[in-house]
Each structure stands twice: as structure tokens, then as C-alpha cells.
Amino acid sequence: MKTVSIVLMNIAVLLLVSCKKEVEKPKVIYDSSSKAKSIAKKDSTQVSIADLPIQMEGTDYLIHPVGDLRVYEKGTKAKYGSSSVIDLSFTISNLGDDEITGYLQNLKFQKIDSDSIKSLTDKPALILTVTYLKAIAEKTNKQILVYTMYDVDTNKDGKLDTSDIKSLYLSEISGEHFIKISANFQELIDWNLIESKNRLYFRTVEDTNKNGQFDKNDVVQYGYINLLAKDWEVVNYEPI
């Protein structure tokens, strides 16, 4: 019986190792075309909808969050039929303290005295957070949005999701001057506003050993942006 138990334990360990290897997929797949951006295609089966517009306090622009209609299938069956009960969620975003969160495909911007609506981007994107830097606006009159998002299909599975590399972007409150701050193929760790210096500090991790994963052998990069500068150029610094 002891021998059987040991054999079963070994089999269980092998299965766990196998499952772990299967789950741990690389965030980056490098090939000869890695210099060019790998852009995922939008799923044509999804239905895009927009939430009601949001106006950040003190601004002249409405922001329309755009995303996919969420469909949930319940485990229970309908009373008079064989199909599962389907739930629809028409809410695609949430509004917190000067921040919009969700899994958004785009944002549309509209000046309050105009009927014209402009898209933030014409490329596939998955936007997680949109933060209005209210403290900077109140002090300097510069109205800036900070985005954490996915913009490149780095693992080349044909879609943008949280298995890809997270990036950092900035734009004006109008959606203009929308630029990427973090470097390509570097994963955003976090960012922080230092109001006294009018700077946005951020950290990324670079896959220096090119194994497709981010681990302790990789290098953390540090940078900041002078938010009052005409051009938002990254200044690298070394705190350690």
C-alpha cells in the first residue's frame, strides 16, 4: 500500500508540474518581426456599446467610455427550455475619484459646446484606468489624463488581454496629444504623481534576458515626465 501511495503521489506531482507549465505562458514572444508592433484584431462577434458620458470637474469635455457588451451565462436552466439563462450587463465602466475604470475598447471626447465626437484612438486597445490629474489642473490649468492599458498583442495570441504587456499613456483632457510614455516591451509596474514637482514618476520592468517572462533576473527601469513641459519626454533616473 505504501508503494502505491508513493506512486500516486508522484503522479499527482507530475500532473501539477504539467498544469503549471501549461498555465505559465510567456507575456512576450520574440521573433524576427518583433521590432514592429503586433496588433490584435478586434473580435467581430462582439457588440460595442457606450456608457453615458462623464465630465471631470472643472473641464469642458464629455468623455464617452466605449466597450463590449458583457454577456454572462448562468449555470441554471430556463424553466421551459433547454438553453441556459443569459444575463446582459450594459455597464462597461465605473467612476471613482477622478478615475474611470473598466475593460474599455476606446474613449470618445466631445466638447460641451459641440456635437462633434472624436475617438481617442483608431487602433485596438484595452484600457483599464483613466485618471484625471485634478491636482495639476487646479494648480497649473493643464488638464491631463493618465491611462494604463494594453496596446500590443505581445504574446501573439491574436487578442489584447491582461496576458499582454501593460503600458502607460498620457493625453490632454480633449484626447489630443495621446502618446505612449512607457517603452515598448516593458511592463508597467506602477506610477505616482508628485504634485510639488509637477512630475509623473513611473516604473517598468524590462525583459533583459528575453525569456518572455518578467522575473527577478530582469531590470527595473525608472523614469519621470515633467507634466508642464511642451513635449512629454521621459527622463530616466537611477535611485539605486
Protein backbone atom coordinates (compact mmCIF):
# COMPACT_ATOMS: atom_id res chain seq x y z
CA MET A 1 0.00 0.00 0.00
CA LYS A 2 2.90 2.33 0.80
CA THR A 3 4.39 1.77 -2.66
CA VAL A 4 1.02 2.51 -4.30
CA SER A 5 0.69 5.71 -2.27
CA ILE A 6 4.16 6.87 -3.33
CA VAL A 7 3.37 6.14 -6.99
CA LEU A 8 0.08 8.05 -6.78
CA MET A 9 1.85 10.96 -5.09
CA ASN A 10 4.47 11.06 -7.84
CA ILE A 11 1.74 11.06 -10.48
CA ALA A 12 -0.02 13.92 -8.69
CA VAL A 13 3.20 15.93 -8.58
CA LEU A 14 3.80 15.33 -12.28
CA LEU A 15 0.28 16.47 -13.09
CA LEU A 16 0.72 19.63 -11.02
CA VAL A 17 4.01 20.42 -12.74
CA SER A 18 2.44 19.76 -16.13
CA CYS A 19 -0.52 22.02 -15.36
CA LYS A 20 1.78 24.77 -14.07
CA LYS A 21 3.87 24.66 -17.24
CA GLU A 22 0.72 24.83 -19.31
CA VAL A 23 -0.61 27.88 -17.42
CA GLU A 24 2.64 29.84 -17.41
CA LYS A 25 2.62 31.30 -20.90
CA PRO A 26 5.13 33.99 -21.91
CA LYS A 27 3.95 37.60 -21.99
CA VAL A 28 6.29 38.30 -24.89
CA ILE A 29 7.07 36.17 -27.91
CA TYR A 30 10.11 37.38 -29.81
CA ASP A 31 10.67 36.77 -33.49
CA SER A 32 12.26 38.46 -36.48
CA SER A 33 9.37 40.93 -36.72
CA SER A 34 9.36 41.94 -33.03
CA LYS A 35 10.53 45.45 -33.93
CA ALA A 36 7.14 46.10 -35.49
CA LYS A 37 4.09 46.36 -33.29
CA SER A 38 1.99 43.21 -33.12
CA ILE A 39 -1.58 44.48 -33.23
CA ALA A 40 -4.50 42.26 -32.30
CA LYS A 41 -7.62 42.27 -34.43
CA LYS A 42 -10.95 43.30 -32.97
CA ASP A 43 -13.37 40.42 -32.40
CA SER A 44 -16.12 40.98 -34.98
CA THR A 45 -18.60 38.93 -32.90
CA GLN A 46 -18.52 41.45 -30.03
CA VAL A 47 -21.10 44.23 -29.79
CA SER A 48 -19.71 47.64 -28.82
CA ILE A 49 -21.74 49.97 -26.60
CA ALA A 50 -21.05 53.24 -24.79
CA ASP A 51 -21.80 54.30 -21.23
CA LEU A 52 -23.41 57.65 -20.55
CA PRO A 53 -20.86 60.49 -20.81
CA ILE A 54 -18.66 61.58 -17.90
CA GLN A 55 -17.47 65.13 -17.24
CA MET A 56 -14.50 65.59 -14.94
CA GLU A 57 -15.00 68.53 -12.58
CA GLY A 58 -13.74 71.81 -14.00
CA THR A 59 -13.33 70.55 -17.58
CA ASP A 60 -15.12 71.42 -20.83
CA TYR A 61 -15.19 67.91 -22.27
CA LEU A 62 -17.52 64.94 -22.06
CA ILE A 63 -15.87 61.51 -22.05
CA HIS A 64 -17.83 58.60 -23.53
CA PRO A 65 -16.45 55.20 -22.41
CA VAL A 66 -16.77 52.55 -25.16
CA GLY A 67 -16.53 48.80 -24.61
CA ASP A 68 -18.04 45.43 -25.41
CA LEU A 69 -21.46 44.33 -24.24
CA ARG A 70 -20.94 41.81 -21.42
CA VAL A 71 -22.82 38.55 -21.68
CA TYR A 72 -22.97 36.16 -18.72
CA GLU A 73 -24.33 32.63 -18.86
CA LYS A 74 -25.86 31.33 -15.64
CA GLY A 75 -25.49 27.72 -14.58
CA THR A 76 -29.21 27.18 -14.11
CA LYS A 77 -31.51 26.21 -16.94
CA ALA A 78 -34.59 28.09 -18.03
CA LYS A 79 -37.80 26.64 -16.64
CA TYR A 80 -39.39 25.87 -20.01
CA GLY A 81 -36.47 25.10 -22.25
CA SER A 82 -33.03 23.58 -22.55
CA SER A 83 -30.98 26.75 -23.04
CA SER A 84 -29.13 28.45 -20.18
CA VAL A 85 -30.31 31.74 -18.73
CA ILE A 86 -28.37 34.67 -20.21
CA ASP A 87 -27.60 37.86 -18.31
CA LEU A 88 -26.54 41.08 -20.06
CA SER A 89 -24.54 43.86 -18.40
CA PHE A 90 -24.89 47.18 -20.16
CA THR A 91 -22.45 48.88 -17.74
CA ILE A 92 -18.90 48.86 -19.06
CA SER A 93 -17.16 51.37 -16.77
CA ASN A 94 -17.04 52.65 -13.20
CA LEU A 95 -16.30 56.17 -11.97
CA GLY A 96 -14.26 56.70 -8.81
CA ASP A 97 -12.35 59.71 -7.51
CA ASP A 98 -11.36 61.38 -10.79
CA GLU A 99 -10.80 57.95 -12.33
CA ILE A 100 -12.63 55.78 -14.86
CA THR A 101 -12.05 52.03 -14.65
CA GLY A 102 -13.16 49.08 -16.73
CA TYR A 103 -12.17 47.00 -19.73
CA LEU A 104 -12.65 49.69 -22.36
CA GLN A 105 -12.02 49.48 -26.08
CA ASN A 106 -11.91 53.24 -26.64
CA LEU A 107 -12.94 56.65 -25.36
CA LYS A 108 -14.86 59.31 -27.28
CA PHE A 109 -14.37 63.02 -26.49
CA GLN A 110 -16.90 65.78 -27.01
CA LYS A 111 -16.54 69.47 -26.17
CA ILE A 112 -19.58 70.65 -24.23
CA ASP A 113 -20.48 73.32 -26.82
CA SER A 114 -20.20 70.94 -29.79
CA ASP A 115 -21.98 67.89 -31.20
CA SER A 116 -18.76 66.55 -32.72
CA ILE A 117 -17.35 63.40 -31.07
CA LYS A 118 -13.72 62.33 -31.55
CA SER A 119 -12.16 58.93 -30.83
CA LEU A 120 -9.10 58.63 -28.63
CA THR A 121 -7.52 56.03 -30.92
CA ASP A 122 -8.25 54.20 -34.16
CA LYS A 123 -6.22 51.14 -33.11
CA PRO A 124 -7.23 48.12 -30.99
CA ALA A 125 -6.77 48.83 -27.28
CA LEU A 126 -7.81 47.58 -23.86
CA ILE A 127 -7.96 50.47 -21.40
CA LEU A 128 -8.01 49.62 -17.68
CA THR A 129 -7.83 53.03 -15.98
CA VAL A 130 -8.18 56.66 -17.00
CA THR A 131 -7.09 59.09 -14.27
CA TYR A 132 -7.66 62.84 -14.34
CA LEU A 133 -4.81 64.74 -12.68
CA LYS A 134 -7.08 67.19 -10.88
CA ALA A 135 -4.37 68.49 -8.55
CA ILE A 136 -2.21 69.51 -11.52
CA ALA A 137 -5.19 71.14 -13.25
CA GLU A 138 -6.12 73.21 -10.21
CA LYS A 139 -2.56 74.47 -9.79
CA THR A 140 -1.40 74.93 -13.38
CA ASN A 141 -4.57 74.84 -15.56
CA LYS A 142 -3.07 71.91 -17.50
CA GLN A 143 -5.75 69.21 -17.78
CA ILE A 144 -4.12 65.81 -18.26
CA LEU A 145 -5.35 62.21 -18.38
CA VAL A 146 -3.20 59.19 -17.46
CA TYR A 147 -4.02 55.79 -18.98
CA THR A 148 -2.97 52.27 -18.03
CA MET A 149 -3.77 49.99 -20.95
CA TYR A 150 -2.79 47.22 -23.32
CA ASP A 151 -1.97 48.27 -26.87
CA VAL A 152 0.16 45.45 -28.32
CA ASP A 153 -0.51 41.72 -28.64
CA THR A 154 2.90 40.89 -27.18
CA ASN A 155 2.21 37.17 -26.68
CA LYS A 156 0.86 36.90 -30.24
CA ASP A 157 -2.33 35.01 -29.39
CA GLY A 158 -4.44 37.26 -31.63
CA LYS A 159 -6.12 39.29 -28.86
CA LEU A 160 -5.46 42.03 -26.34
CA ASP A 161 -5.93 40.99 -22.73
CA THR A 162 -4.22 41.02 -19.35
CA SER A 163 -1.78 38.37 -20.57
CA ASP A 164 -0.07 41.04 -22.67
CA ILE A 165 2.22 43.86 -21.50
CA LYS A 166 0.63 46.80 -19.68
CA SER A 167 1.59 50.28 -20.92
CA LEU A 168 1.37 53.88 -19.73
CA TYR A 169 -0.09 56.70 -21.84
CA LEU A 170 -0.88 60.41 -21.41
CA SER A 171 -3.23 62.78 -23.20
CA GLU A 172 -4.81 66.18 -22.80
CA ILE A 173 -8.40 66.28 -21.47
CA SER A 174 -9.60 66.56 -25.08
CA GLY A 175 -7.94 63.26 -26.04
CA GLU A 176 -5.37 65.17 -28.10
CA HIS A 177 -1.62 64.64 -27.69
CA PHE A 178 -2.24 60.96 -26.90
CA ILE A 179 1.22 59.45 -26.50
CA LYS A 180 2.84 56.35 -25.08
CA ILE A 181 5.18 57.00 -22.15
CA SER A 182 6.45 53.53 -21.27
CA ALA A 183 8.87 51.84 -23.67
CA ASN A 184 7.74 49.05 -25.98
CA PHE A 185 8.09 45.56 -24.45
CA GLN A 186 8.50 46.97 -20.93
CA GLU A 187 5.79 46.08 -18.40
CA LEU A 188 4.36 48.97 -16.37
CA ILE A 189 4.69 48.31 -12.63
CA ASP A 190 3.13 51.49 -11.23
CA TRP A 191 3.05 55.28 -11.45
CA ASN A 192 2.81 58.13 -8.97
CA LEU A 193 2.10 61.85 -9.18
CA ILE A 194 4.48 64.15 -7.25
CA GLU A 195 2.41 67.30 -7.19
CA SER A 196 5.11 69.55 -5.67
CA LYS A 197 7.40 68.92 -8.67
CA ASN A 198 4.66 68.61 -11.33
CA ARG A 199 6.10 65.24 -12.25
CA LEU A 200 4.65 61.84 -13.04
CA TYR A 201 7.03 59.12 -11.84
CA PHE A 202 6.72 55.54 -13.07
CA ARG A 203 8.48 52.16 -13.04
CA THR A 204 8.68 49.47 -15.69
CA VAL A 205 10.41 46.12 -15.88
CA GLU A 206 12.42 45.12 -18.93
CA ASP A 207 12.75 41.50 -20.05
CA THR A 208 16.52 41.76 -20.32
CA ASN A 209 17.12 38.01 -20.56
CA LYS A 210 14.49 37.73 -23.34
CA ASN A 211 12.76 34.67 -21.88
CA GLY A 212 9.31 36.15 -22.40
CA GLN A 213 8.60 36.48 -18.68
CA PHE A 214 9.28 39.15 -16.06
CA ASP A 215 11.25 37.79 -13.13
CA LYS A 216 13.96 38.66 -10.59
CA ASN A 217 16.67 38.42 -13.25
CA ASP A 218 15.19 41.31 -15.22
CA VAL A 219 15.91 45.03 -14.77
CA VAL A 220 13.55 47.63 -13.31
CA GLN A 221 13.65 50.96 -15.17
CA TYR A 222 12.77 54.29 -13.51
CA GLY A 223 11.55 57.42 -15.24
CA TYR A 224 9.53 60.59 -14.86
CA ILE A 225 7.71 63.12 -17.01
CA ASN A 226 7.69 66.88 -16.49
CA LEU A 227 3.96 67.45 -16.94
CA LEU A 228 4.41 71.17 -17.61
CA ALA A 229 6.87 70.63 -20.47
CA LYS A 230 5.68 71.27 -24.01
CA ASP A 231 6.82 67.80 -25.06
CA TRP A 232 6.33 64.94 -22.61
CA GLU A 233 9.75 63.37 -22.81
CA VAL A 234 10.81 60.61 -20.41
CA VAL A 235 13.73 61.40 -18.12
CA ASN A 236 15.39 58.25 -16.84
CA TYR A 237 16.91 58.19 -13.35
CA GLU A 238 18.61 55.64 -11.09
CA PRO A 239 17.50 55.68 -7.44
CA ILE A 240 19.63 52.62 -6.57
